[in-house]
């Protein structure tokens, strides 16, 4: 939510690099960000409701995560500017959690915990 609602005050508080990077984000980036976040939330609700749609929703979220961070790391110089130690761990954690969510939903379907 904070990323999607950055205002002039928040922009002013950012470093020059972060401000320039935020302003240069392509228009589709917000859609991909939402694709990474909202299906994961819906997938968790589906899992709690014992619905097999959790797997599909988690899969959509994983696609969003891959596109989002693929673009961030592939089309920007973020790692060169801030270093891998400062930029890779949290996105890697998010990616791994998305993979675990898809895997777990698949296991839940195979074991008939959800249907």
C-alpha atoms as a PDB file:
ATOM      1  CA  UNK A   1       0.000   0.000   0.000  1.00  0.00           C
ATOM      2  CA  UNK A   2       2.794   2.402   0.888  1.00  0.00           C
ATOM      3  CA  UNK A   3       4.466   1.800  -2.467  1.00  0.00           C
ATOM      4  CA  UNK A   4       1.248   2.554  -4.344  1.00  0.00           C
ATOM      5  CA  UNK A   5       0.442   5.749  -2.434  1.00  0.00           C
ATOM      6  CA  UNK A   6       3.760   7.609  -2.484  1.00  0.00           C
ATOM      7  CA  UNK A   7       3.124  11.335  -2.339  1.00  0.00           C
ATOM      8  CA  UNK A   8       5.335  14.421  -2.684  1.00  0.00           C
ATOM      9  CA  UNK A   9       6.396  14.260   0.975  1.00  0.00           C
ATOM     10  CA  UNK A  10       7.470  10.632   0.682  1.00  0.00           C
ATOM     11  CA  UNK A  11       9.290  11.363  -2.581  1.00  0.00           C
ATOM     12  CA  UNK A  12      11.156  14.245  -0.947  1.00  0.00           C
ATOM     13  CA  UNK A  13      12.325  11.951   1.848  1.00  0.00           C
ATOM     14  CA  UNK A  14      13.823   9.440  -0.624  1.00  0.00           C
ATOM     15  CA  UNK A  15      17.408   9.423  -1.810  1.00  0.00           C
ATOM     16  CA  UNK A  16      18.048  10.867  -5.264  1.00  0.00           C
ATOM     17  CA  UNK A  17      18.466   7.371  -6.715  1.00  0.00           C
ATOM     18  CA  UNK A  18      15.277   6.022  -5.099  1.00  0.00           C
ATOM     19  CA  UNK A  19      13.285   9.067  -6.186  1.00  0.00           C
ATOM     20  CA  UNK A  20      14.500   8.794  -9.791  1.00  0.00           C
ATOM     21  CA  UNK A  21      13.830   5.055  -9.818  1.00  0.00           C
ATOM     22  CA  UNK A  22      10.310   5.486  -8.477  1.00  0.00           C
ATOM     23  CA  UNK A  23       9.454   8.200 -10.986  1.00  0.00           C
ATOM     24  CA  UNK A  24      10.762   6.039 -13.869  1.00  0.00           C
ATOM     25  CA  UNK A  25       8.638   2.991 -12.989  1.00  0.00           C
ATOM     26  CA  UNK A  26       6.650   1.882 -16.039  1.00  0.00           C
ATOM     27  CA  UNK A  27       2.861   2.213 -15.866  1.00  0.00           C
ATOM     28  CA  UNK A  28       2.392  -1.574 -15.929  1.00  0.00           C
ATOM     29  CA  UNK A  29       4.528  -2.009 -12.801  1.00  0.00           C
ATOM     30  CA  UNK A  30       1.611  -1.184 -10.497  1.00  0.00           C
ATOM     31  CA  UNK A  31      -0.482  -3.886 -12.192  1.00  0.00           C
ATOM     32  CA  UNK A  32       2.298  -6.456 -11.745  1.00  0.00           C
ATOM     33  CA  UNK A  33       2.770  -5.390  -8.133  1.00  0.00           C
ATOM     34  CA  UNK A  34      -0.958  -5.919  -7.547  1.00  0.00           C
ATOM     35  CA  UNK A  35      -0.721  -9.281  -9.359  1.00  0.00           C
ATOM     36  CA  UNK A  36       2.017 -10.326  -6.961  1.00  0.00           C
ATOM     37  CA  UNK A  37       0.146  -9.246  -3.829  1.00  0.00           C
ATOM     38  CA  UNK A  38      -3.613  -9.603  -4.260  1.00  0.00           C
ATOM     39  CA  UNK A  39      -3.787 -13.205  -5.541  1.00  0.00           C
ATOM     40  CA  UNK A  40      -1.533 -14.285  -2.671  1.00  0.00           C
ATOM     41  CA  UNK A  41      -3.959 -12.752  -0.205  1.00  0.00           C
ATOM     42  CA  UNK A  42      -6.917 -14.324  -2.011  1.00  0.00           C
ATOM     43  CA  UNK A  43      -5.020 -17.636  -2.156  1.00  0.00           C
ATOM     44  CA  UNK A  44      -4.569 -17.588   1.589  1.00  0.00           C
ATOM     45  CA  UNK A  45      -8.279 -16.966   2.079  1.00  0.00           C
ATOM     46  CA  UNK A  46      -9.042 -19.781  -0.393  1.00  0.00           C
ATOM     47  CA  UNK A  47      -6.712 -22.090   1.514  1.00  0.00           C
ATOM     48  CA  UNK A  48      -8.490 -21.284   4.771  1.00  0.00           C
ATOM     49  CA  UNK A  49     -11.794 -21.988   3.018  1.00  0.00           C
ATOM     50  CA  UNK A  50     -10.332 -25.306   1.797  1.00  0.00           C
ATOM     51  CA  UNK A  51     -10.662 -24.358  -1.849  1.00  0.00           C
ATOM     52  CA  UNK A  52      -8.370 -25.799  -4.522  1.00  0.00           C
ATOM     53  CA  UNK A  53      -8.397 -22.345  -6.174  1.00  0.00           C
ATOM     54  CA  UNK A  54      -5.638 -21.479  -3.700  1.00  0.00           C
ATOM     55  CA  UNK A  55      -3.141 -23.218  -6.003  1.00  0.00           C
ATOM     56  CA  UNK A  56      -4.200 -21.138  -9.022  1.00  0.00           C
ATOM     57  CA  UNK A  57      -4.171 -17.901  -7.041  1.00  0.00           C
ATOM     58  CA  UNK A  58      -0.740 -18.634  -5.572  1.00  0.00           C
ATOM     59  CA  UNK A  59       0.478 -19.460  -9.069  1.00  0.00           C
ATOM     60  CA  UNK A  60      -0.704 -16.079 -10.357  1.00  0.00           C
ATOM     61  CA  UNK A  61       1.048 -14.412  -7.458  1.00  0.00           C
ATOM     62  CA  UNK A  62       4.284 -16.276  -8.255  1.00  0.00           C
ATOM     63  CA  UNK A  63       4.091 -15.051 -11.856  1.00  0.00           C
ATOM     64  CA  UNK A  64       3.649 -11.492 -10.584  1.00  0.00           C
ATOM     65  CA  UNK A  65       6.631 -11.852  -8.247  1.00  0.00           C
ATOM     66  CA  UNK A  66       8.839 -13.186 -11.058  1.00  0.00           C
ATOM     67  CA  UNK A  67       7.860 -10.404 -13.467  1.00  0.00           C
ATOM     68  CA  UNK A  68       8.147  -7.691 -10.819  1.00  0.00           C
ATOM     69  CA  UNK A  69      11.558  -8.619  -9.479  1.00  0.00           C
ATOM     70  CA  UNK A  70      12.774  -9.813 -12.869  1.00  0.00           C
ATOM     71  CA  UNK A  71      12.212  -6.316 -14.174  1.00  0.00           C
ATOM     72  CA  UNK A  72      13.664  -4.624 -11.090  1.00  0.00           C
ATOM     73  CA  UNK A  73      16.867  -6.664 -11.190  1.00  0.00           C
ATOM     74  CA  UNK A  74      17.102  -7.037 -14.971  1.00  0.00           C
ATOM     75  CA  UNK A  75      16.185  -3.562 -16.195  1.00  0.00           C
ATOM     76  CA  UNK A  76      17.695  -1.372 -13.480  1.00  0.00           C
ATOM     77  CA  UNK A  77      21.124  -0.901 -11.959  1.00  0.00           C
ATOM     78  CA  UNK A  78      19.811  -1.414  -8.417  1.00  0.00           C
ATOM     79  CA  UNK A  79      22.346  -4.091  -7.475  1.00  0.00           C
ATOM     80  CA  UNK A  80      25.244  -2.070  -8.887  1.00  0.00           C
ATOM     81  CA  UNK A  81      24.171   1.021  -6.953  1.00  0.00           C
ATOM     82  CA  UNK A  82      23.074  -0.463  -3.631  1.00  0.00           C
ATOM     83  CA  UNK A  83      24.832  -3.832  -3.648  1.00  0.00           C
ATOM     84  CA  UNK A  84      23.445  -7.367  -3.637  1.00  0.00           C
ATOM     85  CA  UNK A  85      23.549  -7.683   0.150  1.00  0.00           C
ATOM     86  CA  UNK A  86      21.181  -4.729   0.526  1.00  0.00           C
ATOM     87  CA  UNK A  87      18.820  -5.561  -2.335  1.00  0.00           C
ATOM     88  CA  UNK A  88      18.598  -9.326  -2.903  1.00  0.00           C
ATOM     89  CA  UNK A  89      17.656 -10.955   0.449  1.00  0.00           C
ATOM     90  CA  UNK A  90      14.101  -9.614   0.853  1.00  0.00           C
ATOM     91  CA  UNK A  91      12.998 -10.180  -2.781  1.00  0.00           C
ATOM     92  CA  UNK A  92      14.561 -13.653  -2.586  1.00  0.00           C
ATOM     93  CA  UNK A  93      12.538 -14.342   0.562  1.00  0.00           C
ATOM     94  CA  UNK A  94       9.358 -13.146  -1.185  1.00  0.00           C
ATOM     95  CA  UNK A  95      10.106 -15.396  -4.188  1.00  0.00           C
ATOM     96  CA  UNK A  96      10.786 -18.411  -1.963  1.00  0.00           C
ATOM     97  CA  UNK A  97       7.580 -17.827   0.003  1.00  0.00           C
ATOM     98  CA  UNK A  98       5.590 -17.640  -3.250  1.00  0.00           C
ATOM     99  CA  UNK A  99       7.130 -20.962  -4.343  1.00  0.00           C
ATOM    100  CA  UNK A 100       6.318 -22.520  -0.950  1.00  0.00           C
ATOM    101  CA  UNK A 101       2.720 -21.298  -1.196  1.00  0.00           C
ATOM    102  CA  UNK A 102       2.252 -22.934  -4.612  1.00  0.00           C
ATOM    103  CA  UNK A 103       3.957 -26.120  -3.380  1.00  0.00           C
ATOM    104  CA  UNK A 104       1.894 -26.290  -0.196  1.00  0.00           C
ATOM    105  CA  UNK A 105      -1.391 -25.726  -2.019  1.00  0.00           C
ATOM    106  CA  UNK A 106      -0.413 -28.524  -4.405  1.00  0.00           C
ATOM    107  CA  UNK A 107       0.323 -30.841  -1.489  1.00  0.00           C
ATOM    108  CA  UNK A 108      -3.000 -29.885   0.112  1.00  0.00           C
ATOM    109  CA  UNK A 109      -4.822 -30.817  -3.107  1.00  0.00           C
ATOM    110  CA  UNK A 110      -2.985 -34.154  -3.434  1.00  0.00           C
ATOM    111  CA  UNK A 111      -3.718 -35.048   0.176  1.00  0.00           C
ATOM    112  CA  UNK A 112      -7.325 -33.910  -0.228  1.00  0.00           C
ATOM    113  CA  UNK A 113      -7.070 -31.349   2.548  1.00  0.00           C
ATOM    114  CA  UNK A 114      -8.705 -28.942   0.104  1.00  0.00           C
ATOM    115  CA  UNK A 115     -11.003 -29.576  -2.828  1.00  0.00           C
END
